[in-house]
């Protein structure tokens, strides 16, 4: 069962997703509080085991702070002393998740992957929360990939059995994992998988983090969504108080947006695959542009809201995003009433489907506990 809203209500929703992204958003010298889009975080120290509380909880634009805008789930992954991937995730916002805070402050590791979710595909369940784990690797993603029925045909029954949720992200990870196994090398497997996805499927963005014990891969593909890196020689560290030794430990830090005002943050180039082995960084550019690129106006309203980025001038469902900047929701609705879009809304334009609110399930010691959460 779906409920429906008219286009004028959609305008207000879009405004709430994009308000505040003025020209200052292009200032790379300060951390930015951008709207929408799932957020990624990765860190590698090259060996020393540290905690990630600074970046996850305490930095000016920490992942917990970002979760006020991405409230549909949060997860943290790390590696045990034996090198096995461990993760904790739940369909709760990081700022209201006590486990997220507990693990961020207390878990030591040399490699971390974390994610806060703004849902575009799949319900609010633990199985749809990142990071995912397959074959001793952690994976997190933001973006939109369509043609999932086609993607499933690229997987064997055994490979599909690893997929427990409904997201495009987990299916992409299953395909990447399959290609890594076929190629016998993680970097080659990532390249071959993304090349085929870019050549055969409709793609808005495939920004991803993949981690093995002591190694990290970060991809920005194509240019739609940003991804940033803070290298050790430009100020990248584990953060104050997060290391056993005196002072912060050098680290490669990767994030969807600069998390503080250090000038050393740099955006990955479109199509850049950054390979981090310990602290050594190698940038590869093996990809052609997507053959079937999706524009923002090709996305559903929910998908477009979840992918709000620096590329913000395209219309969403026919509404020019730039025209909504700087106005209050009530003023925007009133202004639209005098335009063709407003007239169409008043004349009973085609309704836009919006999914019903969902009740997430959190599994604690195999017991289901219903949690009141936001709708998607």
Protein backbone atom coordinates (compact mmCIF):
# COMPACT_ATOMS: atom_id res chain seq x y z
CA UNK A 1 0.00 0.00 0.00
CA UNK A 2 1.39 3.40 -0.94
CA UNK A 3 0.33 6.87 0.02
CA UNK A 4 0.58 9.74 -2.40
CA UNK A 5 1.45 13.41 -2.24
CA UNK A 6 0.92 16.12 -4.80
CA UNK A 7 3.76 17.95 -6.52
CA UNK A 8 3.50 21.04 -4.27
CA UNK A 9 4.31 18.86 -1.27
CA UNK A 10 7.23 17.41 -3.19
CA UNK A 11 8.62 20.91 -3.69
CA UNK A 12 8.70 21.45 0.05
CA UNK A 13 10.41 18.10 0.58
CA UNK A 14 13.06 18.90 -2.02
CA UNK A 15 13.66 22.31 -0.47
CA UNK A 16 14.28 20.71 2.92
CA UNK A 17 16.86 18.43 1.30
CA UNK A 18 18.80 21.19 -0.49
CA UNK A 19 18.41 24.33 1.67
CA UNK A 20 21.67 25.75 2.84
CA UNK A 21 23.91 24.68 -0.05
CA UNK A 22 24.87 28.10 -1.33
CA UNK A 23 28.10 29.20 -3.02
CA UNK A 24 30.01 28.73 0.24
CA UNK A 25 29.67 24.98 -0.26
CA UNK A 26 32.46 25.18 -2.81
CA UNK A 27 34.92 26.51 -0.24
CA UNK A 28 37.30 23.56 0.20
CA UNK A 29 39.32 25.27 2.92
CA UNK A 30 36.72 24.50 5.63
CA UNK A 31 34.69 21.45 6.50
CA UNK A 32 31.21 21.63 4.98
CA UNK A 33 27.84 20.67 6.33
CA UNK A 34 26.34 19.31 3.13
CA UNK A 35 22.87 17.85 2.92
CA UNK A 36 21.72 14.39 1.98
CA UNK A 37 23.70 11.40 0.75
CA UNK A 38 24.98 8.49 2.83
CA UNK A 39 28.35 9.24 4.39
CA UNK A 40 31.47 7.09 4.30
CA UNK A 41 34.46 7.02 6.63
CA UNK A 42 37.64 4.95 6.42
CA UNK A 43 40.96 5.09 8.23
CA UNK A 44 44.25 3.18 8.05
CA UNK A 45 47.26 3.67 10.33
CA UNK A 46 49.54 1.14 8.66
CA UNK A 47 49.87 -0.98 11.80
CA UNK A 48 49.35 0.79 15.15
CA UNK A 49 45.99 -0.04 16.72
CA UNK A 50 44.08 3.12 17.62
CA UNK A 51 40.53 4.20 18.32
CA UNK A 52 38.48 6.30 15.92
CA UNK A 53 36.48 8.37 18.43
CA UNK A 54 37.81 11.71 17.19
CA UNK A 55 36.53 11.29 13.62
CA UNK A 56 33.42 9.35 14.51
CA UNK A 57 32.24 11.38 17.50
CA UNK A 58 34.27 14.50 18.32
CA UNK A 59 35.39 16.21 15.08
CA UNK A 60 33.43 19.32 14.00
CA UNK A 61 31.80 17.30 11.21
CA UNK A 62 32.05 13.86 12.82
CA UNK A 63 30.05 10.95 11.53
CA UNK A 64 27.76 11.25 14.54
CA UNK A 65 27.12 14.92 13.69
CA UNK A 66 26.45 14.02 10.06
CA UNK A 67 23.94 11.38 11.16
CA UNK A 68 21.47 14.13 12.10
CA UNK A 69 21.06 14.45 8.31
CA UNK A 70 21.45 10.71 7.56
CA UNK A 71 19.30 9.08 10.27
CA UNK A 72 18.34 5.75 8.70
CA UNK A 73 21.18 3.60 10.02
CA UNK A 74 24.78 3.55 11.20
CA UNK A 75 27.54 1.00 11.36
CA UNK A 76 31.20 0.63 12.30
CA UNK A 77 33.60 -2.06 11.06
CA UNK A 78 37.11 -2.91 12.26
CA UNK A 79 39.57 -5.82 12.40
CA UNK A 80 40.27 -8.11 15.34
CA UNK A 81 43.74 -9.07 16.59
CA UNK A 82 43.49 -12.10 14.32
CA UNK A 83 42.70 -9.97 11.27
CA UNK A 84 39.03 -10.92 11.01
CA UNK A 85 36.51 -8.21 10.10
CA UNK A 86 34.06 -7.29 12.85
CA UNK A 87 31.14 -4.89 12.54
CA UNK A 88 28.23 -3.53 14.51
CA UNK A 89 25.31 -1.91 12.68
CA UNK A 90 21.72 -0.96 13.37
CA UNK A 91 18.87 0.91 11.63
CA UNK A 92 19.27 3.80 14.07
CA UNK A 93 20.91 7.19 13.66
CA UNK A 94 24.45 7.24 15.05
CA UNK A 95 23.60 10.15 17.36
CA UNK A 96 20.99 8.03 19.16
CA UNK A 97 22.84 4.71 19.04
CA UNK A 98 24.66 3.95 22.30
CA UNK A 99 26.52 1.03 20.74
CA UNK A 100 27.99 3.25 18.03
CA UNK A 101 29.32 5.60 20.71
CA UNK A 102 30.62 2.70 22.83
CA UNK A 103 32.52 1.02 20.00
CA UNK A 104 33.91 4.29 18.64
CA UNK A 105 35.41 5.15 22.02
CA UNK A 106 36.70 1.71 22.97
CA UNK A 107 37.50 -0.50 19.95
CA UNK A 108 41.16 -0.45 18.80
CA UNK A 109 42.07 -1.31 15.22
CA UNK A 110 44.50 -0.31 12.48
CA UNK A 111 41.75 -0.17 9.83
CA UNK A 112 38.20 1.16 10.13
CA UNK A 113 35.17 1.50 7.84
CA UNK A 114 32.06 3.34 8.98
CA UNK A 115 28.83 4.52 7.36
CA UNK A 116 25.72 6.52 8.14
CA UNK A 117 22.71 5.84 5.94
CA UNK A 118 20.21 8.02 4.11
CA UNK A 119 18.05 5.25 2.70
CA UNK A 120 17.17 5.21 -0.99
CA UNK A 121 16.67 1.47 -1.55
CA UNK A 122 15.38 -1.08 0.95
CA UNK A 123 13.66 -0.82 4.30
CA UNK A 124 15.00 0.20 7.68
CA UNK A 125 16.39 -3.15 8.76
CA UNK A 126 19.75 -4.24 10.09
CA UNK A 127 20.40 -6.25 6.90
CA UNK A 128 20.36 -3.05 4.81
CA UNK A 129 22.84 -1.19 7.01
CA UNK A 130 26.52 -0.83 6.11
CA UNK A 131 29.26 -1.92 6.39
CA UNK A 132 28.73 -5.31 4.81
CA UNK A 133 31.11 -8.26 5.29
CA UNK A 134 32.05 -10.87 2.68
CA UNK A 135 35.18 -13.02 2.43
CA UNK A 136 37.07 -11.18 5.21
CA UNK A 137 36.40 -7.75 3.69
CA UNK A 138 34.38 -4.75 4.85
CA UNK A 139 32.40 -2.70 2.34
CA UNK A 140 30.43 0.56 2.41
CA UNK A 141 28.93 2.52 -0.48
CA UNK A 142 27.01 5.60 -1.44
CA UNK A 143 25.38 6.20 -4.78
CA UNK A 144 22.70 4.65 -6.96
CA UNK A 145 23.05 1.72 -9.34
CA UNK A 146 20.02 0.47 -11.27
CA UNK A 147 19.42 -2.64 -13.34
CA UNK A 148 19.62 -4.88 -10.28
CA UNK A 149 17.81 -7.78 -11.97
CA UNK A 150 20.58 -7.79 -14.57
CA UNK A 151 23.23 -7.56 -11.89
CA UNK A 152 21.77 -10.61 -10.12
CA UNK A 153 22.21 -12.67 -13.29
CA UNK A 154 25.95 -12.00 -13.14
CA UNK A 155 26.12 -13.91 -9.84
CA UNK A 156 25.96 -17.64 -9.24
CA UNK A 157 23.53 -19.08 -6.70
CA UNK A 158 26.40 -19.39 -4.22
CA UNK A 159 27.44 -15.77 -4.75
CA UNK A 160 23.85 -14.53 -4.37
CA UNK A 161 23.55 -16.44 -1.10
CA UNK A 162 25.84 -13.86 0.56
CA UNK A 163 23.21 -11.14 -0.01
CA UNK A 164 20.86 -10.80 2.97
CA UNK A 165 19.32 -7.37 2.35
CA UNK A 166 17.58 -5.43 -0.42
CA UNK A 167 20.08 -2.71 -1.34
CA UNK A 168 21.91 -2.06 -4.59
CA UNK A 169 25.02 -1.59 -2.40
CA UNK A 170 25.09 -5.18 -1.16
CA UNK A 171 24.53 -6.57 -4.66
CA UNK A 172 27.40 -4.43 -5.96
CA UNK A 173 29.59 -5.78 -3.14
CA UNK A 174 28.63 -9.37 -4.00
CA UNK A 175 29.65 -8.78 -7.62
CA UNK A 176 32.91 -7.09 -6.62
CA UNK A 177 33.64 -10.01 -4.28
CA UNK A 178 32.96 -12.50 -7.08
CA UNK A 179 35.31 -10.65 -9.44
CA UNK A 180 38.04 -10.51 -6.77
CA UNK A 181 37.77 -14.29 -6.41
CA UNK A 182 37.88 -14.82 -10.17
CA UNK A 183 40.88 -12.50 -10.66
CA UNK A 184 42.78 -13.55 -7.55
CA UNK A 185 43.60 -9.93 -6.71
CA UNK A 186 41.53 -7.33 -4.88
CA UNK A 187 42.54 -4.31 -6.97
CA UNK A 188 42.00 -6.14 -10.27
CA UNK A 189 38.67 -7.48 -9.08
CA UNK A 190 37.41 -4.02 -8.11
CA UNK A 191 38.50 -2.60 -11.47
CA UNK A 192 36.85 -5.34 -13.53
CA UNK A 193 33.62 -5.21 -11.54
CA UNK A 194 33.27 -1.42 -11.75
CA UNK A 195 34.18 -1.42 -15.44
CA UNK A 196 31.35 -3.85 -16.21
CA UNK A 197 28.88 -1.98 -14.00
CA UNK A 198 29.81 1.29 -15.72
CA UNK A 199 29.52 -0.26 -19.18
CA UNK A 200 26.24 -2.16 -18.79
CA UNK A 201 24.13 -0.70 -15.95
CA UNK A 202 22.55 2.72 -15.36
CA UNK A 203 24.81 4.45 -12.81
CA UNK A 204 24.47 7.65 -10.83
CA UNK A 205 27.40 7.01 -8.48
CA UNK A 206 29.52 4.15 -7.19
CA UNK A 207 31.51 5.66 -4.33
CA UNK A 208 32.85 2.86 -2.20
CA UNK A 209 35.21 1.81 0.55
CA UNK A 210 36.59 -1.72 0.74
CA UNK A 211 38.88 -2.82 3.56
CA UNK A 212 41.04 -5.82 4.26
CA UNK A 213 43.22 -6.08 7.33
CA UNK A 214 45.76 -3.28 6.87
CA UNK A 215 44.57 -2.30 3.36
CA UNK A 216 41.91 0.09 2.12
CA UNK A 217 40.43 0.90 -1.30
CA UNK A 218 38.45 4.09 -1.96
CA UNK A 219 36.69 4.85 -5.25
CA UNK A 220 34.95 7.96 -6.53
CA UNK A 221 33.01 7.11 -9.69
CA UNK A 222 32.07 9.09 -11.67
CA UNK A 223 31.92 12.77 -10.54
CA UNK A 224 28.41 12.83 -9.05
CA UNK A 225 29.32 12.35 -5.37
CA UNK A 226 32.45 13.62 -3.68
CA UNK A 227 35.01 11.63 -1.69
CA UNK A 228 37.92 13.19 0.23
CA UNK A 229 41.25 12.02 1.60
CA UNK A 230 43.49 13.44 4.32
CA UNK A 231 46.96 11.96 3.88
CA UNK A 232 49.55 11.68 6.68
CA UNK A 233 51.89 14.17 5.02
CA UNK A 234 49.01 16.68 4.88
CA UNK A 235 47.83 16.34 8.46
CA UNK A 236 46.10 12.94 8.53
CA UNK A 237 46.19 11.41 12.02
CA UNK A 238 44.14 9.10 14.21
CA UNK A 239 42.99 12.07 16.31
CA UNK A 240 43.94 13.36 19.76
CA UNK A 241 43.56 10.85 22.57
CA UNK A 242 42.81 7.91 20.28
CA UNK A 243 46.25 6.25 20.37
CA UNK A 244 48.10 4.41 23.13
CA UNK A 245 51.29 6.33 22.35
CA UNK A 246 51.77 9.99 23.16
CA UNK A 247 50.05 12.12 20.56
CA UNK A 248 48.08 11.13 17.45
CA UNK A 249 49.32 8.42 15.10
CA UNK A 250 49.76 9.20 11.37
CA UNK A 251 46.83 7.85 9.37
CA UNK A 252 45.13 7.99 5.99
CA UNK A 253 41.61 9.30 6.57
CA UNK A 254 38.89 9.03 3.88
CA UNK A 255 35.49 10.67 4.17
CA UNK A 256 32.54 11.84 2.08
CA UNK A 257 33.17 15.40 3.23
CA UNK A 258 36.00 17.17 5.09
CA UNK A 259 35.45 16.49 8.77
CA UNK A 260 37.37 19.47 10.15
CA UNK A 261 39.08 22.63 8.89
CA UNK A 262 42.53 21.16 8.19
CA UNK A 263 43.71 22.49 4.83
CA UNK A 264 45.17 19.14 3.78
CA UNK A 265 41.87 17.55 2.71
CA UNK A 266 41.79 16.87 -1.03
CA UNK A 267 38.91 15.57 -3.15
CA UNK A 268 39.50 12.38 -5.10
CA UNK A 269 39.30 12.99 -8.83
CA UNK A 270 36.32 11.53 -10.73
CA UNK A 271 37.20 7.94 -11.57
CA UNK A 272 40.06 7.79 -9.07
CA UNK A 273 40.67 4.49 -7.27
CA UNK A 274 42.87 5.14 -4.23
CA UNK A 275 44.71 2.06 -2.95
CA UNK A 276 46.01 2.40 0.62
CA UNK A 277 48.44 -0.31 1.72
CA UNK A 278 49.37 0.56 5.29
CA UNK A 279 50.18 4.25 4.82
CA UNK A 280 51.32 3.97 1.19
CA UNK A 281 48.86 5.53 -1.26
CA UNK A 282 48.54 4.74 -4.96
CA UNK A 283 46.03 6.45 -7.26
CA UNK A 284 44.73 4.58 -10.31
CA UNK A 285 42.50 5.89 -13.09
CA UNK A 286 41.36 2.75 -14.96
CA UNK A 287 37.75 3.65 -15.73
CA UNK A 288 35.84 5.08 -18.67
CA UNK A 289 32.80 7.29 -17.91
CA UNK A 290 29.56 5.33 -17.39
CA UNK A 291 27.93 4.33 -20.66
CA UNK A 292 24.43 4.81 -19.18
CA UNK A 293 24.83 7.73 -16.75
CA UNK A 294 21.86 8.69 -14.60
CA UNK A 295 21.12 12.35 -14.03
CA UNK A 296 19.51 13.60 -10.86
CA UNK A 297 16.21 14.05 -12.71
CA UNK A 298 16.30 10.33 -13.60
CA UNK A 299 16.11 9.37 -9.93
CA UNK A 300 13.02 8.93 -7.81
CA UNK A 301 12.31 11.65 -5.27
CA UNK A 302 13.65 9.46 -2.45
CA UNK A 303 16.79 8.54 -4.39
CA UNK A 304 17.43 12.15 -5.35
CA UNK A 305 17.03 13.30 -1.75
CA UNK A 306 19.53 10.66 -0.61
CA UNK A 307 22.09 11.75 -3.21
CA UNK A 308 22.10 15.54 -2.70
CA UNK A 309 25.69 16.63 -3.44
CA UNK A 310 27.72 19.43 -4.94
CA UNK A 311 26.09 18.66 -8.32
CA UNK A 312 22.89 20.48 -7.39
CA UNK A 313 21.74 22.41 -10.43
CA UNK A 314 19.85 19.65 -12.22
CA UNK A 315 16.08 19.40 -11.76
CA UNK A 316 14.66 16.73 -9.47
CA UNK A 317 11.42 15.24 -10.82
CA UNK A 318 11.20 18.34 -13.06
CA UNK A 319 11.75 20.92 -10.27
CA UNK A 320 14.87 23.14 -10.68
CA UNK A 321 16.85 22.60 -7.46
CA UNK A 322 18.75 25.89 -7.75
CA UNK A 323 15.50 27.85 -7.78
CA UNK A 324 14.63 26.56 -4.32
CA UNK A 325 17.71 27.94 -2.57
CA UNK A 326 17.35 30.74 -0.08
CA UNK A 327 13.58 30.60 0.39
CA UNK A 328 11.52 29.32 3.27
CA UNK A 329 9.32 26.27 2.65
CA UNK A 330 6.14 28.36 2.87
CA UNK A 331 7.54 31.02 0.57
CA UNK A 332 8.66 28.35 -1.88
CA UNK A 333 5.22 26.77 -1.98
CA UNK A 334 3.58 30.15 -2.47
CA UNK A 335 5.98 31.12 -5.23
CA UNK A 336 5.40 27.86 -7.03
CA UNK A 337 1.66 28.50 -7.06
CA UNK A 338 2.23 31.24 -9.64
CA UNK A 339 4.36 29.07 -11.93
CA UNK A 340 3.46 26.35 -14.36
CA UNK A 341 4.61 23.76 -11.81
CA UNK A 342 2.40 25.31 -9.16
CA UNK A 343 -0.55 25.44 -11.51
CA UNK A 344 -0.06 21.81 -12.43
CA UNK A 345 0.00 20.87 -8.75
CA UNK A 346 -3.23 22.75 -8.16
CA UNK A 347 -4.82 21.14 -11.18
CA UNK A 348 -4.20 17.62 -9.85
CA UNK A 349 -0.89 16.76 -11.49
CA UNK A 350 0.19 13.14 -11.35
CA UNK A 351 0.83 12.13 -7.75
CA UNK A 352 4.31 11.12 -6.64
CA UNK A 353 4.53 7.86 -4.65
CA UNK A 354 6.14 8.03 -1.24
CA UNK A 355 6.85 4.91 0.78
CA UNK A 356 5.07 4.39 4.06
CA UNK A 357 6.95 4.90 7.32
CA UNK A 358 8.78 1.74 8.28
CA UNK A 359 9.49 0.31 11.71
CA UNK A 360 13.12 -0.85 11.91
CA UNK A 361 14.04 -4.05 13.69
CA UNK A 362 17.15 -4.20 15.86
CA UNK A 363 18.46 -7.64 16.72
CA UNK A 364 19.94 -7.85 20.19
CA UNK A 365 20.99 -11.35 21.33
CA UNK A 366 18.63 -12.81 18.74
CA UNK A 367 15.65 -10.99 20.25
CA UNK A 368 13.63 -8.66 18.08
CA UNK A 369 12.99 -5.22 19.49
CA UNK A 370 10.79 -2.75 17.64
CA UNK A 371 12.30 0.74 17.45
CA UNK A 372 10.46 3.89 16.47
CA UNK A 373 12.31 5.41 13.53
CA UNK A 374 12.00 7.89 10.67
CA UNK A 375 10.21 7.07 7.46
CA UNK A 376 12.01 6.59 4.16
